């Protein structure tokens, strides 16, 4: 509340000489009253906060190479960022925004190839031994400079297709780490999906199939016969376990550009929409 001029003059007369002169020389300043548009701006701060959070997610994902080289502190930081977002999309599992092509930006366990539902199924079968399998597969694909490239998910109505680029390399152990040759290919796994609830989709193990595509066919022509080979993963799964059982993916955040999903073991996957 702004003090009245009478009260101000009264306080000035009670001051010592120096303070009195300074106070008398200082003009009275009115307290600004917030305008109506300022309240509107304040109400939009949540949207601005989410935008800043998304920028931090992108930066952390890039800095840790999709989580492959993240420290425990960085993983905890990413978890906090993800959990701070407010999902703007109700029932994302059935929302049309889900349809499209999404590229993996981050995977919380450090294995980008787990974007593929093939590895969801393997993890379900192996249980507590799954981490050992993931580490062994990661080691195998990274020998002599190989590794996993871009990982895409193409989601349609009742379908999900994973497309992971893989660089395969061959070298001679104990002589050097430079590969004799290296080539690129893609491992494409697809299956049918159903809506489990408003934020979760499920894929039956029996519906899965995996196709190998050799992108650098000229590198090793002797292996070109593998190009386009489809492995009926679902049939194999059906022999090992109940093929009607499902692997599930929950969507915890969805907007026009960003999707965050969670697997049954709590693994977080961050995707950005891309145009092909």
Protein backbone atom coordinates (compact mmCIF):
# COMPACT_ATOMS: atom_id res chain seq x y z
CA UNK A 1 0.00 0.00 0.00
CA UNK A 2 1.37 3.51 -0.92
CA UNK A 3 1.85 5.72 2.17
CA UNK A 4 -0.02 9.07 2.31
CA UNK A 5 2.00 12.29 1.77
CA UNK A 6 1.14 13.48 5.31
CA UNK A 7 2.68 10.39 6.86
CA UNK A 8 5.78 10.76 4.71
CA UNK A 9 6.24 14.45 5.71
CA UNK A 10 5.80 13.50 9.37
CA UNK A 11 8.55 10.86 9.15
CA UNK A 12 10.88 13.30 7.39
CA UNK A 13 10.63 15.85 10.24
CA UNK A 14 11.66 13.13 12.70
CA UNK A 15 14.88 12.32 10.79
CA UNK A 16 18.36 13.71 11.50
CA UNK A 17 19.48 16.60 9.27
CA UNK A 18 21.37 14.65 6.57
CA UNK A 19 18.71 11.95 6.22
CA UNK A 20 16.03 14.69 6.20
CA UNK A 21 17.64 16.48 3.25
CA UNK A 22 18.02 13.21 1.31
CA UNK A 23 14.46 12.11 1.98
CA UNK A 24 13.05 15.50 1.02
CA UNK A 25 15.02 15.48 -2.24
CA UNK A 26 13.77 11.98 -3.21
CA UNK A 27 10.53 12.03 -5.18
CA UNK A 28 7.74 9.68 -4.20
CA UNK A 29 7.47 6.64 -6.53
CA UNK A 30 4.17 4.90 -7.18
CA UNK A 31 4.02 1.11 -6.86
CA UNK A 32 3.21 -0.30 -10.33
CA UNK A 33 -0.01 -2.28 -10.53
CA UNK A 34 0.24 -5.47 -12.67
CA UNK A 35 -1.66 -5.17 -15.91
CA UNK A 36 -4.12 -7.80 -17.04
CA UNK A 37 -1.83 -9.04 -19.85
CA UNK A 38 0.89 -9.78 -17.27
CA UNK A 39 -1.36 -12.37 -15.66
CA UNK A 40 -1.89 -14.03 -19.05
CA UNK A 41 1.87 -14.22 -19.58
CA UNK A 42 2.31 -15.74 -16.14
CA UNK A 43 -0.26 -18.41 -16.93
CA UNK A 44 1.79 -19.51 -19.94
CA UNK A 45 4.95 -20.18 -17.99
CA UNK A 46 4.20 -23.92 -17.77
CA UNK A 47 4.34 -24.19 -21.56
CA UNK A 48 7.59 -22.28 -21.57
CA UNK A 49 8.98 -24.52 -18.86
CA UNK A 50 8.11 -27.65 -20.86
CA UNK A 51 9.81 -26.15 -23.91
CA UNK A 52 12.99 -25.55 -21.89
CA UNK A 53 12.78 -29.07 -20.45
CA UNK A 54 12.52 -30.57 -23.94
CA UNK A 55 15.59 -28.58 -25.04
CA UNK A 56 17.51 -29.96 -22.06
CA UNK A 57 16.39 -33.50 -22.95
CA UNK A 58 17.62 -33.08 -26.52
CA UNK A 59 20.96 -31.70 -25.35
CA UNK A 60 21.53 -34.44 -22.77
CA UNK A 61 20.56 -37.17 -25.25
CA UNK A 62 23.04 -35.83 -27.81
CA UNK A 63 25.79 -35.34 -25.24
CA UNK A 64 25.55 -38.94 -24.04
CA UNK A 65 25.13 -40.42 -27.54
CA UNK A 66 21.58 -41.65 -26.95
CA UNK A 67 22.50 -42.78 -23.43
CA UNK A 68 25.27 -45.17 -24.50
CA UNK A 69 27.92 -43.15 -22.64
CA UNK A 70 25.83 -41.66 -19.84
CA UNK A 71 27.00 -41.63 -16.23
CA UNK A 72 24.69 -42.55 -13.38
CA UNK A 73 24.34 -38.84 -12.60
CA UNK A 74 23.36 -38.08 -16.19
CA UNK A 75 20.84 -40.92 -16.20
CA UNK A 76 19.30 -39.57 -13.03
CA UNK A 77 19.20 -36.09 -14.56
CA UNK A 78 17.41 -37.43 -17.64
CA UNK A 79 14.93 -39.33 -15.48
CA UNK A 80 14.12 -36.12 -13.58
CA UNK A 81 13.67 -34.16 -16.81
CA UNK A 82 11.35 -36.80 -18.26
CA UNK A 83 9.24 -36.99 -15.12
CA UNK A 84 8.90 -33.20 -14.95
CA UNK A 85 7.04 -33.05 -18.28
CA UNK A 86 3.25 -32.85 -18.24
CA UNK A 87 1.77 -35.06 -20.96
CA UNK A 88 -0.48 -32.81 -23.10
CA UNK A 89 -2.17 -35.72 -24.91
CA UNK A 90 -4.98 -37.71 -23.34
CA UNK A 91 -5.02 -41.43 -24.19
CA UNK A 92 -1.85 -41.27 -26.35
CA UNK A 93 -2.07 -44.95 -27.33
CA UNK A 94 -5.15 -44.22 -29.45
CA UNK A 95 -4.38 -40.64 -30.43
CA UNK A 96 -3.69 -39.94 -34.15
CA UNK A 97 -0.52 -38.01 -33.19
CA UNK A 98 1.09 -41.38 -32.41
CA UNK A 99 0.96 -42.40 -36.08
CA UNK A 100 4.16 -41.67 -38.00
CA UNK A 101 7.92 -42.25 -38.04
CA UNK A 102 9.93 -41.67 -34.87
CA UNK A 103 13.72 -41.67 -34.41
CA UNK A 104 15.31 -42.80 -31.15
CA UNK A 105 17.15 -40.03 -29.29
CA UNK A 106 17.79 -41.74 -25.95
CA UNK A 107 17.55 -45.15 -24.30
CA UNK A 108 18.01 -45.25 -20.54
CA UNK A 109 19.83 -48.60 -20.24
CA UNK A 110 22.51 -47.62 -22.79
CA UNK A 111 21.50 -50.09 -25.54
CA UNK A 112 19.84 -48.25 -28.47
CA UNK A 113 18.99 -51.52 -30.23
CA UNK A 114 16.37 -52.08 -27.53
CA UNK A 115 14.17 -49.76 -29.56
CA UNK A 116 13.32 -52.95 -31.48
CA UNK A 117 10.43 -55.11 -30.20
CA UNK A 118 12.61 -58.14 -30.98
CA UNK A 119 14.68 -57.26 -27.92
CA UNK A 120 11.55 -56.59 -25.89
CA UNK A 121 10.59 -60.19 -26.60
CA UNK A 122 14.08 -61.51 -25.81
CA UNK A 123 14.09 -59.57 -22.55
CA UNK A 124 10.72 -61.05 -21.60
CA UNK A 125 12.02 -64.58 -22.27
CA UNK A 126 15.36 -64.17 -20.46
CA UNK A 127 14.12 -62.27 -17.44
CA UNK A 128 16.99 -61.48 -15.07
CA UNK A 129 19.54 -62.78 -17.61
CA UNK A 130 18.49 -60.21 -20.20
CA UNK A 131 21.11 -57.62 -19.22
CA UNK A 132 23.90 -60.14 -19.86
CA UNK A 133 22.47 -60.81 -23.32
CA UNK A 134 22.20 -57.08 -24.11
CA UNK A 135 25.83 -56.52 -23.05
CA UNK A 136 27.04 -59.47 -25.12
CA UNK A 137 25.12 -58.27 -28.18
CA UNK A 138 26.46 -54.74 -27.72
CA UNK A 139 30.03 -56.08 -27.53
CA UNK A 140 29.54 -58.23 -30.62
CA UNK A 141 28.16 -55.43 -32.77
CA UNK A 142 30.84 -52.94 -31.68
CA UNK A 143 33.89 -55.12 -32.48
CA UNK A 144 36.29 -53.44 -34.95
CA UNK A 145 34.34 -50.19 -34.96
CA UNK A 146 30.89 -51.61 -35.71
CA UNK A 147 27.76 -50.46 -33.96
CA UNK A 148 24.15 -49.40 -34.14
CA UNK A 149 23.17 -46.38 -36.21
CA UNK A 150 19.79 -44.69 -36.55
CA UNK A 151 16.86 -46.52 -34.94
CA UNK A 152 13.41 -45.73 -36.28
CA UNK A 153 9.94 -46.78 -35.26
CA UNK A 154 7.17 -46.57 -37.83
CA UNK A 155 3.82 -46.70 -36.10
CA UNK A 156 0.59 -47.23 -38.01
CA UNK A 157 -2.92 -48.29 -37.14
CA UNK A 158 -2.42 -51.70 -35.53
CA UNK A 159 1.22 -52.02 -36.62
CA UNK A 160 4.70 -51.16 -35.37
CA UNK A 161 7.89 -51.53 -37.40
CA UNK A 162 11.39 -51.05 -36.02
CA UNK A 163 14.24 -50.24 -38.43
CA UNK A 164 17.75 -50.19 -36.92
CA UNK A 165 20.84 -49.49 -39.02
CA UNK A 166 23.80 -51.72 -38.10
CA UNK A 167 27.43 -51.39 -39.15
CA UNK A 168 29.01 -54.82 -39.34
CA UNK A 169 32.83 -55.02 -39.38
CA UNK A 170 35.37 -57.82 -39.74
CA UNK A 171 38.99 -57.75 -38.60
CA UNK A 172 41.80 -59.97 -37.36
CA UNK A 173 42.17 -60.16 -33.56
CA UNK A 174 45.60 -59.45 -32.03
CA UNK A 175 46.81 -57.73 -35.21
CA UNK A 176 44.89 -54.49 -34.99
CA UNK A 177 41.54 -52.89 -34.38
CA UNK A 178 41.06 -51.53 -37.90
CA UNK A 179 38.47 -53.59 -39.77
CA UNK A 180 39.34 -55.41 -42.98
CA UNK A 181 35.97 -54.29 -44.28
CA UNK A 182 32.78 -52.77 -42.92
CA UNK A 183 29.29 -52.53 -44.33
CA UNK A 184 25.91 -51.17 -43.39
CA UNK A 185 22.62 -52.97 -43.19
CA UNK A 186 19.28 -52.72 -41.46
CA UNK A 187 17.46 -55.08 -39.15
CA UNK A 188 13.72 -54.54 -39.52
CA UNK A 189 11.32 -56.07 -37.00
CA UNK A 190 7.57 -55.60 -37.27
CA UNK A 191 4.41 -56.93 -35.74
CA UNK A 192 0.79 -56.18 -35.01
CA UNK A 193 -0.32 -54.08 -32.09
CA UNK A 194 -3.43 -53.65 -29.99
CA UNK A 195 -4.52 -51.05 -27.50
CA UNK A 196 -4.12 -52.33 -23.95
CA UNK A 197 -5.41 -49.12 -22.35
CA UNK A 198 -5.32 -45.39 -23.00
CA UNK A 199 -1.54 -45.09 -22.77
CA UNK A 200 -0.27 -48.62 -23.57
CA UNK A 201 0.04 -50.74 -26.70
CA UNK A 202 0.82 -54.46 -26.79
CA UNK A 203 2.41 -56.73 -29.42
CA UNK A 204 1.93 -60.49 -29.45
CA UNK A 205 5.16 -62.47 -29.74
CA UNK A 206 3.67 -64.65 -32.47
CA UNK A 207 3.15 -61.61 -34.74
CA UNK A 208 6.85 -60.65 -34.88
CA UNK A 209 9.03 -61.07 -37.96
CA UNK A 210 12.54 -59.77 -38.69
CA UNK A 211 14.00 -58.92 -42.10
CA UNK A 212 17.68 -58.29 -42.89
CA UNK A 213 18.42 -55.62 -45.49
CA UNK A 214 21.97 -55.27 -46.82
CA UNK A 215 22.52 -51.61 -47.71
CA UNK A 216 26.15 -51.98 -48.87
CA UNK A 217 25.68 -54.93 -51.21
CA UNK A 218 29.00 -54.29 -52.97
CA UNK A 219 31.14 -54.67 -49.82
CA UNK A 220 30.76 -58.43 -49.53
CA UNK A 221 28.84 -59.81 -52.53
CA UNK A 222 29.13 -63.35 -51.18
CA UNK A 223 26.62 -62.44 -48.48
CA UNK A 224 24.12 -60.78 -50.80
CA UNK A 225 21.92 -63.85 -50.61
CA UNK A 226 21.00 -62.69 -47.08
CA UNK A 227 19.59 -59.42 -48.40
CA UNK A 228 15.84 -59.38 -47.85
CA UNK A 229 15.83 -62.56 -45.78
CA UNK A 230 12.92 -62.68 -43.35
CA UNK A 231 13.13 -64.68 -40.15
CA UNK A 232 9.74 -65.78 -38.70
CA UNK A 233 10.60 -64.71 -35.16
CA UNK A 234 7.00 -65.25 -34.10
CA UNK A 235 7.08 -68.93 -35.04
CA UNK A 236 10.31 -69.42 -33.10
CA UNK A 237 8.84 -67.64 -30.08
CA UNK A 238 5.75 -69.81 -30.33
CA UNK A 239 7.90 -72.93 -29.95
CA UNK A 240 9.78 -71.56 -26.98
CA UNK A 241 6.93 -69.95 -25.07
CA UNK A 242 3.29 -68.99 -25.36
CA UNK A 243 3.13 -67.01 -28.61
CA UNK A 244 -0.04 -65.28 -27.49
CA UNK A 245 1.81 -63.51 -24.68
CA UNK A 246 2.59 -59.85 -25.26
CA UNK A 247 5.32 -57.28 -24.92
CA UNK A 248 4.06 -53.83 -23.99
CA UNK A 249 5.09 -50.22 -24.47
CA UNK A 250 3.56 -47.39 -22.43
CA UNK A 251 3.51 -43.85 -23.82
CA UNK A 252 4.16 -41.37 -21.02
CA UNK A 253 4.48 -38.24 -23.16
CA UNK A 254 3.26 -37.37 -26.67
CA UNK A 255 3.09 -34.19 -28.70
CA UNK A 256 3.66 -33.30 -32.35
CA UNK A 257 7.45 -33.63 -32.12
CA UNK A 258 8.37 -35.63 -29.01
CA UNK A 259 7.35 -39.06 -27.71
CA UNK A 260 8.56 -40.74 -24.54
CA UNK A 261 7.81 -44.41 -23.97
CA UNK A 262 8.48 -46.91 -21.21
CA UNK A 263 9.04 -50.66 -21.48
CA UNK A 264 7.81 -53.21 -18.98
CA UNK A 265 11.13 -53.25 -17.11
CA UNK A 266 11.07 -49.45 -16.68
CA UNK A 267 13.46 -48.61 -19.53
CA UNK A 268 12.79 -45.13 -20.94
CA UNK A 269 12.94 -44.41 -24.67
CA UNK A 270 12.85 -40.88 -26.09
CA UNK A 271 11.85 -40.34 -29.73
CA UNK A 272 11.56 -37.38 -32.08
CA UNK A 273 9.22 -37.34 -35.07
CA UNK A 274 10.98 -37.38 -38.45
CA UNK A 275 9.92 -37.19 -42.07
CA UNK A 276 11.14 -39.90 -44.45
